[in-house]
Amino acid sequence: MARPHLPLNALRAFEAAARHASFTQAANELNVTQAAVSHQVKLLENRLDVALFKRLPRGLLITPEGEALLPIMQDSFDRMAEMLERLETGRVRDILMVGAVGTFAVGWLLPRLPDFQARHPLIEIRLSTHNNRADIAAEGLDYAVRFGDGGWHGTEAIPLFEAPLSPLCIPRIAATLREPADLTQHPLLRSYREHEWASWFEAAGVHATPPLAQGIVFDSSLAMMDAALQGPEWRSAHPECSLDNWPAAPSASPSTCTLPWAATG
């Protein structure tokens, strides 16, 4: 991209003056005179042919044009300062911002990160976990991973792999079951996605209302897994992302019926 001559001194003076709403305080920060800051801002206004401030007796009032320019300047100077700091401290690495649901992060992603870091030592991954709908722009993410069909408005979704939904419980309970309908005799833990159990029963050919446990709705499969270990309840889960997380009491799934969910990024 071809760039015109950028008046860096003028832009720096504008950013500091806008942040402080004062030429004097901007001058103190930049270690120059108040007149020098005012002059640089005036040069920038002349170049852009717009007023960036209204000069008031007791300070400055930024104009709409100045408000449009300010966040761009602040982001640019912040990024330059961060890179200079990284260069000075020898931390020249790319940062990859990834958001993922907790079950996927713990059960699938984290075990694979050491290999990724060994092959890409100059990439620093910053991982955030929650189950809300990902807002990539607002959260500053490069990528987000969610379970679903990828039909999310305003995003480009790429299927990663199939992650079928299947019931899980401790082996002691599984040994007492002979067919999917037997699950109706046990309280079932559920996530905030209320349709999961009903959809699974329908796919398994069981025409009954799922006996969902009352009182707690989980937003994390990991927490629901711990709850199942402490009681006789069943839970639904994505086995690829959860089986390794039951070391104290291995999980079992006697039914072969699964729902075709997918992990999508």
Protein backbone atom coordinates (compact mmCIF):
# COMPACT_ATOMS: atom_id res chain seq x y z
CA MET A 1 0.00 0.00 0.00
CA ALA A 2 1.47 3.34 -1.07
CA ARG A 3 1.62 5.81 1.82
CA PRO A 4 1.80 9.59 1.56
CA HIS A 5 4.24 11.44 3.78
CA LEU A 6 2.92 10.97 7.30
CA PRO A 7 3.31 14.00 9.60
CA LEU A 8 4.27 11.91 12.63
CA ASN A 9 5.13 14.85 14.90
CA ALA A 10 1.80 16.49 14.15
CA LEU A 11 -0.11 13.26 14.68
CA ARG A 12 1.67 12.62 17.96
CA ALA A 13 0.89 16.18 19.12
CA PHE A 14 -2.77 15.76 18.16
CA GLU A 15 -3.11 12.42 19.98
CA ALA A 16 -1.60 13.77 23.20
CA ALA A 17 -3.63 16.99 23.07
CA ALA A 18 -6.85 15.05 22.44
CA ARG A 19 -6.12 12.64 25.29
CA HIS A 20 -5.46 15.47 27.75
CA ALA A 21 -7.90 17.99 26.20
CA SER A 22 -5.07 20.46 26.70
CA PHE A 23 -2.12 21.76 24.67
CA THR A 24 -0.26 22.52 27.89
CA GLN A 25 -0.53 19.02 29.34
CA ALA A 26 0.34 17.51 25.98
CA ALA A 27 3.45 19.71 25.87
CA ASN A 28 4.47 18.52 29.34
CA GLU A 29 4.13 14.89 28.24
CA LEU A 30 6.06 15.41 25.00
CA ASN A 31 8.69 17.62 26.66
CA VAL A 32 8.14 20.52 24.25
CA THR A 33 6.54 23.94 24.54
CA GLN A 34 2.81 24.58 24.44
CA ALA A 35 3.33 26.69 21.35
CA ALA A 36 5.08 23.80 19.58
CA VAL A 37 2.13 21.46 20.21
CA SER A 38 -0.36 24.08 19.05
CA HIS A 39 1.71 24.68 15.91
CA GLN A 40 1.90 21.00 15.04
CA VAL A 41 -1.86 20.54 15.49
CA LYS A 42 -2.49 23.59 13.30
CA LEU A 43 -0.24 22.13 10.57
CA LEU A 44 -2.25 18.91 10.70
CA GLU A 45 -5.56 20.77 10.51
CA ASN A 46 -4.31 22.75 7.51
CA ARG A 47 -3.20 19.57 5.76
CA LEU A 48 -6.54 17.83 6.39
CA ASP A 49 -8.55 21.02 5.82
CA VAL A 50 -10.65 20.29 8.91
CA ALA A 51 -10.79 21.58 12.47
CA LEU A 52 -9.77 18.92 14.99
CA PHE A 53 -10.42 21.03 18.10
CA LYS A 54 -12.50 23.96 19.20
CA ARG A 55 -10.24 26.24 21.23
CA LEU A 56 -11.98 27.20 24.47
CA PRO A 57 -10.83 29.57 27.22
CA ARG A 58 -10.18 26.67 29.58
CA GLY A 59 -9.14 23.87 27.31
CA LEU A 60 -9.96 22.04 24.11
CA LEU A 61 -13.15 20.46 22.75
CA ILE A 62 -12.51 17.78 20.20
CA THR A 63 -14.60 18.00 17.01
CA PRO A 64 -16.36 15.05 15.31
CA GLU A 65 -13.48 14.90 12.84
CA GLY A 66 -11.03 14.71 15.72
CA GLU A 67 -13.10 11.99 17.40
CA ALA A 68 -12.95 9.93 14.22
CA LEU A 69 -9.16 10.28 14.00
CA LEU A 70 -8.30 9.80 17.69
CA PRO A 71 -8.95 6.02 18.16
CA ILE A 72 -6.93 5.25 15.02
CA MET A 73 -4.00 7.24 16.36
CA GLN A 74 -4.23 5.74 19.84
CA ASP A 75 -4.31 2.20 18.46
CA SER A 76 -1.39 2.91 16.11
CA PHE A 77 0.81 4.46 18.79
CA ASP A 78 -0.09 1.71 21.28
CA ARG A 79 0.86 -0.97 18.75
CA MET A 80 4.14 0.80 17.92
CA ALA A 81 4.97 1.13 21.61
CA GLU A 82 4.20 -2.55 22.19
CA MET A 83 6.40 -3.65 19.31
CA LEU A 84 9.26 -1.41 20.40
CA GLU A 85 9.03 -2.90 23.89
CA ARG A 86 9.04 -6.41 22.44
CA LEU A 87 12.12 -5.59 20.36
CA GLU A 88 13.91 -4.04 23.33
CA THR A 89 13.21 -7.05 25.53
CA GLY A 90 13.87 -9.67 22.84
CA ARG A 91 10.24 -10.82 22.67
CA VAL A 92 9.74 -10.67 18.92
CA ARG A 93 6.79 -13.02 18.64
CA ASP A 94 3.46 -13.00 16.84
CA ILE A 95 0.38 -13.10 19.04
CA LEU A 96 -2.54 -15.34 18.08
CA MET A 97 -5.79 -14.59 19.92
CA VAL A 98 -8.04 -17.65 20.15
CA GLY A 99 -11.44 -17.99 21.83
CA ALA A 100 -12.90 -21.43 22.53
CA VAL A 101 -15.52 -23.15 24.64
CA GLY A 102 -14.01 -24.62 27.80
CA THR A 103 -14.71 -28.26 26.94
CA PHE A 104 -12.94 -27.98 23.60
CA ALA A 105 -10.04 -26.01 25.08
CA VAL A 106 -9.35 -28.45 27.93
CA GLY A 107 -10.25 -31.72 26.25
CA TRP A 108 -8.84 -31.19 22.76
CA LEU A 109 -6.81 -28.01 22.29
CA LEU A 110 -4.56 -27.86 25.37
CA PRO A 111 -3.07 -31.36 24.93
CA ARG A 112 -2.00 -30.36 21.40
CA LEU A 113 -0.52 -26.96 22.22
CA PRO A 114 2.98 -28.20 23.23
CA ASP A 115 3.46 -29.75 19.79
CA PHE A 116 2.20 -26.57 18.10
CA GLN A 117 4.52 -24.40 20.19
CA ALA A 118 7.47 -26.66 19.42
CA ARG A 119 6.82 -26.28 15.69
CA HIS A 120 5.98 -22.54 15.86
CA PRO A 121 8.13 -21.06 18.63
CA LEU A 122 7.59 -17.46 17.48
CA ILE A 123 3.80 -17.61 17.85
CA GLU A 124 2.37 -16.75 21.25
CA ILE A 125 -1.17 -18.08 21.76
CA ARG A 126 -3.52 -16.19 24.05
CA LEU A 127 -6.55 -18.33 24.84
CA SER A 128 -9.85 -17.13 26.27
CA THR A 129 -12.67 -19.51 27.17
CA HIS A 130 -16.41 -18.98 27.49
CA ASN A 131 -19.57 -20.45 25.98
CA ASN A 132 -21.18 -17.25 24.75
CA ARG A 133 -21.56 -16.49 21.09
CA ALA A 134 -18.18 -15.27 19.90
CA ASP A 135 -17.88 -11.61 18.93
CA ILE A 136 -14.56 -11.76 17.13
CA ALA A 137 -14.22 -8.03 16.57
CA ALA A 138 -15.28 -6.91 20.05
CA GLU A 139 -13.12 -9.52 21.80
CA GLY A 140 -10.08 -8.86 19.60
CA LEU A 141 -9.91 -12.48 18.49
CA ASP A 142 -8.16 -13.91 15.46
CA TYR A 143 -10.14 -17.16 15.64
CA ALA A 144 -12.99 -18.62 17.68
CA VAL A 145 -14.09 -22.24 18.06
CA ARG A 146 -17.68 -23.21 18.85
CA PHE A 147 -19.83 -26.34 18.60
CA GLY A 148 -22.56 -26.04 15.98
CA ASP A 149 -23.38 -26.02 12.30
CA GLY A 150 -21.52 -22.79 11.50
CA GLY A 151 -24.66 -20.87 10.60
CA TRP A 152 -23.65 -17.68 12.42
CA HIS A 153 -24.47 -14.39 10.71
CA GLY A 154 -21.53 -12.17 9.82
CA THR A 155 -18.84 -14.82 10.30
CA GLU A 156 -16.88 -17.15 8.07
CA ALA A 157 -17.09 -20.64 9.57
CA ILE A 158 -14.84 -23.58 8.67
CA PRO A 159 -15.72 -27.11 9.91
CA LEU A 160 -12.85 -28.60 11.94
CA PHE A 161 -14.13 -32.10 12.71
CA GLU A 162 -17.22 -34.03 13.69
CA ALA A 163 -17.93 -34.02 17.43
CA PRO A 164 -21.02 -36.22 17.98
CA LEU A 165 -23.09 -35.72 21.11
CA SER A 166 -23.44 -38.85 23.25
CA PRO A 167 -24.58 -39.72 26.81
CA LEU A 168 -21.85 -40.43 29.37
CA CYS A 169 -21.93 -41.80 32.89
CA ILE A 170 -19.74 -43.72 35.31
CA PRO A 171 -19.44 -47.48 34.55
CA ARG A 172 -21.38 -48.53 37.65
CA ILE A 173 -24.51 -46.90 36.27
CA ALA A 174 -23.87 -47.96 32.67
CA ALA A 175 -23.75 -51.62 33.75
CA THR A 176 -27.39 -51.46 34.81
CA LEU A 177 -28.66 -50.27 31.44
CA ARG A 178 -29.80 -52.44 28.54
CA GLU A 179 -31.38 -49.97 26.09
CA PRO A 180 -31.63 -46.20 25.58
CA ALA A 181 -35.09 -46.06 27.19
CA ASP A 182 -33.49 -47.11 30.50
CA LEU A 183 -32.08 -43.60 30.76
CA THR A 184 -35.57 -42.32 31.58
CA GLN A 185 -35.16 -43.94 34.99
CA HIS A 186 -32.27 -41.67 35.92
CA PRO A 187 -32.04 -37.90 36.47
CA LEU A 188 -30.19 -36.30 33.59
CA LEU A 189 -27.84 -33.34 33.95
CA ARG A 190 -28.15 -30.77 31.22
CA SER A 191 -26.44 -27.72 29.81
CA TYR A 192 -28.03 -24.42 28.87
CA ARG A 193 -28.76 -26.01 25.47
CA GLU A 194 -32.12 -27.45 26.51
CA HIS A 195 -32.77 -29.33 23.27
CA GLU A 196 -29.79 -31.71 23.54
CA TRP A 197 -31.42 -34.48 25.57
CA ALA A 198 -34.73 -34.26 23.70
CA SER A 199 -32.89 -34.45 20.38
CA TRP A 200 -30.84 -37.43 21.55
CA PHE A 201 -33.92 -39.35 22.78
CA GLU A 202 -35.65 -38.70 19.47
CA ALA A 203 -32.62 -39.95 17.52
CA ALA A 204 -32.48 -43.05 19.76
CA GLY A 205 -36.14 -43.81 19.10
CA VAL A 206 -37.24 -43.16 22.68
CA HIS A 207 -40.60 -41.38 22.86
CA ALA A 208 -40.52 -40.05 26.39
CA THR A 209 -39.90 -36.79 28.18
CA PRO A 210 -36.28 -36.69 29.43
CA PRO A 211 -36.15 -36.66 33.28
CA LEU A 212 -33.92 -33.61 33.50
CA ALA A 213 -32.40 -32.87 36.89
CA GLN A 214 -33.93 -29.81 38.49
CA GLY A 215 -32.14 -26.88 40.08
CA ILE A 216 -28.88 -26.53 38.15
CA VAL A 217 -28.28 -25.66 34.52
CA PHE A 218 -24.61 -25.93 33.56
CA ASP A 219 -22.82 -23.63 31.14
CA SER A 220 -19.72 -25.83 31.25
CA SER A 221 -19.50 -29.51 30.34
CA LEU A 222 -16.45 -29.74 32.62
CA ALA A 223 -18.49 -28.65 35.66
CA MET A 224 -21.33 -30.95 34.63
CA MET A 225 -18.83 -33.81 34.38
CA ASP A 226 -17.66 -33.23 37.95
CA ALA A 227 -21.27 -33.12 39.10
CA ALA A 228 -21.98 -36.48 37.43
CA LEU A 229 -18.99 -38.02 39.20
CA GLN A 230 -20.45 -36.98 42.55
CA GLY A 231 -23.89 -38.53 41.89
CA PRO A 232 -25.73 -41.09 39.79
CA GLU A 233 -26.80 -38.64 37.10
CA TRP A 234 -26.16 -38.88 33.39
CA ARG A 235 -24.83 -36.10 31.22
CA SER A 236 -24.53 -35.46 27.50
CA ALA A 237 -21.12 -34.61 26.08
CA HIS A 238 -18.82 -34.54 23.09
CA PRO A 239 -16.69 -37.65 23.80
CA GLU A 240 -13.72 -36.45 21.74
CA CYS A 241 -13.39 -33.47 24.05
CA SER A 242 -14.20 -34.99 27.41
CA LEU A 243 -13.32 -38.66 27.95
CA ASP A 244 -9.78 -37.94 29.09
CA ASN A 245 -11.08 -35.65 31.83
CA TRP A 246 -12.53 -38.46 33.99
CA PRO A 247 -9.37 -40.00 35.45
CA ALA A 248 -10.91 -40.82 38.85
CA ALA A 249 -13.82 -42.82 37.39
CA PRO A 250 -13.66 -43.65 33.68
CA SER A 251 -16.80 -42.81 31.73
CA ALA A 252 -18.90 -45.17 29.71
CA SER A 253 -21.49 -44.85 26.97
CA PRO A 254 -23.33 -48.12 26.33
CA SER A 255 -25.49 -46.60 23.58
CA THR A 256 -24.12 -46.20 20.07
CA CYS A 257 -26.58 -43.42 19.23
CA THR A 258 -24.93 -40.03 18.78
CA LEU A 259 -25.98 -36.65 17.44
CA PRO A 260 -23.97 -35.15 14.54
CA TRP A 261 -22.51 -32.00 16.07
CA ALA A 262 -19.33 -30.38 14.79
CA ALA A 263 -16.55 -28.21 16.13
CA THR A 264 -16.40 -25.13 13.93
CA GLY A 265 -13.86 -22.32 13.80
